[in-house]
């Protein structure tokens, strides 16, 4: 019998599918019972991310916080997906992807730096009174269109 991904995930999570109707069910049950809570969480998070990427291919970056040892924030778990809003097209002046409270778009000077973090290109992003460094996936969900050359 062929199982869909949803059926097999439900089975692994302890759903009430009869083990007598599925060939090979005992090995699945044994494998599921050997997974730690963190391994199950990581597995299901990866499945959620794959499904979300199929629904919205513009998701460019994930942020997951919570459930870590020692975290004392107000929320137990936050999962956020960010859409790609721009792409680096050489050093220059870029609009921020989202408008400010007054509807204006902040303009940022974006410059590629010489070093990398975790094999990701690193960028300096600045405007008067603000300066930050972003890796490329974060940059692509922060900036909008390129406006011109550096100021």
C-alpha atoms as a PDB file:
ATOM      1  CA  UNK A   1       0.000   0.000   0.000  1.00  0.00           C
ATOM      2  CA  UNK A   2       1.366   3.450  -0.910  1.00  0.00           C
ATOM      3  CA  UNK A   3       1.150   6.124   1.776  1.00  0.00           C
ATOM      4  CA  UNK A   4       0.895   9.820   1.153  1.00  0.00           C
ATOM      5  CA  UNK A   5       3.303  12.119   3.018  1.00  0.00           C
ATOM      6  CA  UNK A   6       0.432  13.299   5.254  1.00  0.00           C
ATOM      7  CA  UNK A   7      -0.558   9.733   6.115  1.00  0.00           C
ATOM      8  CA  UNK A   8       2.992   8.706   6.934  1.00  0.00           C
ATOM      9  CA  UNK A   9       3.555  11.826   9.070  1.00  0.00           C
ATOM     10  CA  UNK A  10       0.323  11.151  10.910  1.00  0.00           C
ATOM     11  CA  UNK A  11       1.402   7.590  11.433  1.00  0.00           C
ATOM     12  CA  UNK A  12       4.793   8.623  12.772  1.00  0.00           C
ATOM     13  CA  UNK A  13       3.145  11.069  15.142  1.00  0.00           C
ATOM     14  CA  UNK A  14       1.089   8.292  16.669  1.00  0.00           C
ATOM     15  CA  UNK A  15      -2.080   8.474  14.624  1.00  0.00           C
ATOM     16  CA  UNK A  16      -4.561   5.630  14.831  1.00  0.00           C
ATOM     17  CA  UNK A  17      -3.718   3.925  11.550  1.00  0.00           C
ATOM     18  CA  UNK A  18      -3.993   0.177  12.035  1.00  0.00           C
ATOM     19  CA  UNK A  19      -0.595  -1.508  11.930  1.00  0.00           C
ATOM     20  CA  UNK A  20      -2.158  -4.677  10.546  1.00  0.00           C
ATOM     21  CA  UNK A  21      -3.164  -2.955   7.297  1.00  0.00           C
ATOM     22  CA  UNK A  22       0.242  -1.462   6.483  1.00  0.00           C
ATOM     23  CA  UNK A  23       3.149  -3.623   5.464  1.00  0.00           C
ATOM     24  CA  UNK A  24       6.335  -2.629   7.232  1.00  0.00           C
ATOM     25  CA  UNK A  25       4.565  -0.676   9.974  1.00  0.00           C
ATOM     26  CA  UNK A  26       6.519  -2.142  12.922  1.00  0.00           C
ATOM     27  CA  UNK A  27       9.859  -0.726  11.644  1.00  0.00           C
ATOM     28  CA  UNK A  28       8.199   2.714  11.273  1.00  0.00           C
ATOM     29  CA  UNK A  29       6.849   2.554  14.809  1.00  0.00           C
ATOM     30  CA  UNK A  30      10.251   1.477  16.110  1.00  0.00           C
ATOM     31  CA  UNK A  31      11.998   4.313  14.246  1.00  0.00           C
ATOM     32  CA  UNK A  32       9.487   6.884  15.521  1.00  0.00           C
ATOM     33  CA  UNK A  33       9.812   5.705  19.102  1.00  0.00           C
ATOM     34  CA  UNK A  34      13.605   6.117  18.976  1.00  0.00           C
ATOM     35  CA  UNK A  35      13.432   9.780  17.930  1.00  0.00           C
ATOM     36  CA  UNK A  36      13.929  12.365  20.629  1.00  0.00           C
ATOM     37  CA  UNK A  37      11.500  15.263  20.984  1.00  0.00           C
ATOM     38  CA  UNK A  38      14.067  17.579  19.376  1.00  0.00           C
ATOM     39  CA  UNK A  39      14.549  15.190  16.428  1.00  0.00           C
ATOM     40  CA  UNK A  40      10.777  15.005  15.890  1.00  0.00           C
ATOM     41  CA  UNK A  41      10.515  18.803  16.119  1.00  0.00           C
ATOM     42  CA  UNK A  42      13.352  19.263  13.592  1.00  0.00           C
ATOM     43  CA  UNK A  43      11.804  16.707  11.226  1.00  0.00           C
ATOM     44  CA  UNK A  44       8.342  18.286  11.304  1.00  0.00           C
ATOM     45  CA  UNK A  45       9.787  21.809  11.003  1.00  0.00           C
ATOM     46  CA  UNK A  46      11.698  20.731   7.895  1.00  0.00           C
ATOM     47  CA  UNK A  47       8.483  19.260   6.438  1.00  0.00           C
ATOM     48  CA  UNK A  48       6.586  22.483   7.225  1.00  0.00           C
ATOM     49  CA  UNK A  49       9.297  24.543   5.523  1.00  0.00           C
ATOM     50  CA  UNK A  50       9.241  22.320   2.426  1.00  0.00           C
ATOM     51  CA  UNK A  51       5.454  22.547   2.151  1.00  0.00           C
ATOM     52  CA  UNK A  52       5.500  26.333   2.653  1.00  0.00           C
ATOM     53  CA  UNK A  53       8.176  26.717  -0.040  1.00  0.00           C
ATOM     54  CA  UNK A  54       5.985  24.737  -2.433  1.00  0.00           C
ATOM     55  CA  UNK A  55       3.057  27.042  -1.693  1.00  0.00           C
ATOM     56  CA  UNK A  56       5.103  30.271  -1.808  1.00  0.00           C
ATOM     57  CA  UNK A  57       8.415  29.931  -3.711  1.00  0.00           C
ATOM     58  CA  UNK A  58       9.314  33.533  -2.799  1.00  0.00           C
ATOM     59  CA  UNK A  59      10.124  32.559   0.794  1.00  0.00           C
ATOM     60  CA  UNK A  60      13.785  33.417   1.088  1.00  0.00           C
ATOM     61  CA  UNK A  61      14.585  33.176   4.778  1.00  0.00           C
ATOM     62  CA  UNK A  62      13.246  31.493   7.893  1.00  0.00           C
ATOM     63  CA  UNK A  63      13.577  32.578  11.505  1.00  0.00           C
ATOM     64  CA  UNK A  64      12.694  30.134  14.261  1.00  0.00           C
ATOM     65  CA  UNK A  65      12.969  31.132  17.899  1.00  0.00           C
ATOM     66  CA  UNK A  66      11.868  29.473  21.067  1.00  0.00           C
ATOM     67  CA  UNK A  67      12.125  26.023  22.547  1.00  0.00           C
ATOM     68  CA  UNK A  68      15.869  26.452  23.095  1.00  0.00           C
ATOM     69  CA  UNK A  69      17.445  25.803  26.450  1.00  0.00           C
ATOM     70  CA  UNK A  70      17.718  28.930  28.539  1.00  0.00           C
ATOM     71  CA  UNK A  71      15.386  31.045  26.386  1.00  0.00           C
ATOM     72  CA  UNK A  72      13.153  33.136  28.582  1.00  0.00           C
ATOM     73  CA  UNK A  73      11.179  35.163  26.035  1.00  0.00           C
ATOM     74  CA  UNK A  74       7.430  35.627  26.367  1.00  0.00           C
ATOM     75  CA  UNK A  75       6.599  33.278  23.485  1.00  0.00           C
ATOM     76  CA  UNK A  76       7.328  29.570  23.521  1.00  0.00           C
ATOM     77  CA  UNK A  77       7.730  29.313  19.754  1.00  0.00           C
ATOM     78  CA  UNK A  78       7.832  31.741  16.850  1.00  0.00           C
ATOM     79  CA  UNK A  79       8.296  30.606  13.237  1.00  0.00           C
ATOM     80  CA  UNK A  80       8.584  33.386  10.670  1.00  0.00           C
ATOM     81  CA  UNK A  81       9.071  33.157   6.905  1.00  0.00           C
ATOM     82  CA  UNK A  82      10.344  36.182   4.983  1.00  0.00           C
ATOM     83  CA  UNK A  83       9.656  36.764   1.276  1.00  0.00           C
ATOM     84  CA  UNK A  84      12.371  37.799  -1.161  1.00  0.00           C
ATOM     85  CA  UNK A  85      11.723  41.464  -1.955  1.00  0.00           C
ATOM     86  CA  UNK A  86      14.890  42.364  -3.869  1.00  0.00           C
ATOM     87  CA  UNK A  87      18.174  41.006  -5.140  1.00  0.00           C
ATOM     88  CA  UNK A  88      21.660  42.413  -4.895  1.00  0.00           C
ATOM     89  CA  UNK A  89      22.535  43.942  -8.282  1.00  0.00           C
ATOM     90  CA  UNK A  90      25.887  45.474  -7.435  1.00  0.00           C
ATOM     91  CA  UNK A  91      26.865  48.130  -4.927  1.00  0.00           C
ATOM     92  CA  UNK A  92      24.520  51.073  -4.914  1.00  0.00           C
ATOM     93  CA  UNK A  93      21.484  52.817  -3.498  1.00  0.00           C
ATOM     94  CA  UNK A  94      18.456  50.600  -2.757  1.00  0.00           C
ATOM     95  CA  UNK A  95      14.987  51.256  -1.421  1.00  0.00           C
ATOM     96  CA  UNK A  96      13.910  49.392   1.652  1.00  0.00           C
ATOM     97  CA  UNK A  97      11.279  46.790   0.774  1.00  0.00           C
ATOM     98  CA  UNK A  98       8.673  48.103   3.198  1.00  0.00           C
ATOM     99  CA  UNK A  99       7.594  51.708   3.741  1.00  0.00           C
ATOM    100  CA  UNK A 100       8.049  53.536   7.049  1.00  0.00           C
ATOM    101  CA  UNK A 101       5.113  54.530   9.240  1.00  0.00           C
ATOM    102  CA  UNK A 102       4.565  57.609   7.036  1.00  0.00           C
ATOM    103  CA  UNK A 103       4.590  55.708   3.739  1.00  0.00           C
ATOM    104  CA  UNK A 104       8.093  56.818   2.694  1.00  0.00           C
ATOM    105  CA  UNK A 105      10.718  54.282   1.644  1.00  0.00           C
ATOM    106  CA  UNK A 106      14.105  54.617   3.356  1.00  0.00           C
ATOM    107  CA  UNK A 107      17.058  54.536   0.991  1.00  0.00           C
ATOM    108  CA  UNK A 108      20.091  52.468   1.915  1.00  0.00           C
ATOM    109  CA  UNK A 109      23.627  52.356   0.556  1.00  0.00           C
ATOM    110  CA  UNK A 110      24.493  48.693   0.015  1.00  0.00           C
ATOM    111  CA  UNK A 111      28.110  47.593  -0.352  1.00  0.00           C
ATOM    112  CA  UNK A 112      29.526  44.057  -0.686  1.00  0.00           C
ATOM    113  CA  UNK A 113      32.190  43.320   1.948  1.00  0.00           C
ATOM    114  CA  UNK A 114      35.300  41.197   1.431  1.00  0.00           C
ATOM    115  CA  UNK A 115      34.558  38.495   4.004  1.00  0.00           C
ATOM    116  CA  UNK A 116      31.813  35.915   4.507  1.00  0.00           C
ATOM    117  CA  UNK A 117      29.839  34.496   7.425  1.00  0.00           C
ATOM    118  CA  UNK A 118      29.053  30.766   7.232  1.00  0.00           C
ATOM    119  CA  UNK A 119      29.990  30.892   3.536  1.00  0.00           C
ATOM    120  CA  UNK A 120      27.347  33.607   2.882  1.00  0.00           C
ATOM    121  CA  UNK A 121      28.322  36.917   1.291  1.00  0.00           C
ATOM    122  CA  UNK A 122      28.226  39.829   3.732  1.00  0.00           C
ATOM    123  CA  UNK A 123      26.954  43.338   2.974  1.00  0.00           C
ATOM    124  CA  UNK A 124      27.167  46.700   4.684  1.00  0.00           C
ATOM    125  CA  UNK A 125      23.768  48.408   4.599  1.00  0.00           C
ATOM    126  CA  UNK A 126      23.650  52.033   5.756  1.00  0.00           C
ATOM    127  CA  UNK A 127      21.745  55.284   5.736  1.00  0.00           C
ATOM    128  CA  UNK A 128      22.235  58.420   7.850  1.00  0.00           C
ATOM    129  CA  UNK A 129      22.037  57.329  11.490  1.00  0.00           C
ATOM    130  CA  UNK A 130      21.863  53.596  10.782  1.00  0.00           C
ATOM    131  CA  UNK A 131      24.448  51.001   9.786  1.00  0.00           C
ATOM    132  CA  UNK A 132      24.218  47.206   9.764  1.00  0.00           C
ATOM    133  CA  UNK A 133      25.782  44.148   8.217  1.00  0.00           C
ATOM    134  CA  UNK A 134      23.541  41.527   6.609  1.00  0.00           C
ATOM    135  CA  UNK A 135      24.217  38.181   4.986  1.00  0.00           C
ATOM    136  CA  UNK A 136      22.746  37.782   1.498  1.00  0.00           C
ATOM    137  CA  UNK A 137      19.520  35.895   2.390  1.00  0.00           C
ATOM    138  CA  UNK A 138      18.688  38.591   4.950  1.00  0.00           C
ATOM    139  CA  UNK A 139      19.589  41.372   2.501  1.00  0.00           C
ATOM    140  CA  UNK A 140      17.292  39.927  -0.167  1.00  0.00           C
ATOM    141  CA  UNK A 141      14.335  40.065   2.226  1.00  0.00           C
ATOM    142  CA  UNK A 142      15.190  43.601   3.420  1.00  0.00           C
ATOM    143  CA  UNK A 143      15.871  45.603   0.262  1.00  0.00           C
ATOM    144  CA  UNK A 144      13.612  46.443  -2.642  1.00  0.00           C
ATOM    145  CA  UNK A 145      14.592  47.832  -6.021  1.00  0.00           C
ATOM    146  CA  UNK A 146      17.966  49.341  -6.879  1.00  0.00           C
ATOM    147  CA  UNK A 147      17.794  53.101  -7.412  1.00  0.00           C
ATOM    148  CA  UNK A 148      21.306  53.962  -8.554  1.00  0.00           C
ATOM    149  CA  UNK A 149      24.906  54.394  -7.472  1.00  0.00           C
ATOM    150  CA  UNK A 150      26.195  54.885  -3.913  1.00  0.00           C
ATOM    151  CA  UNK A 151      25.740  58.304  -2.362  1.00  0.00           C
END
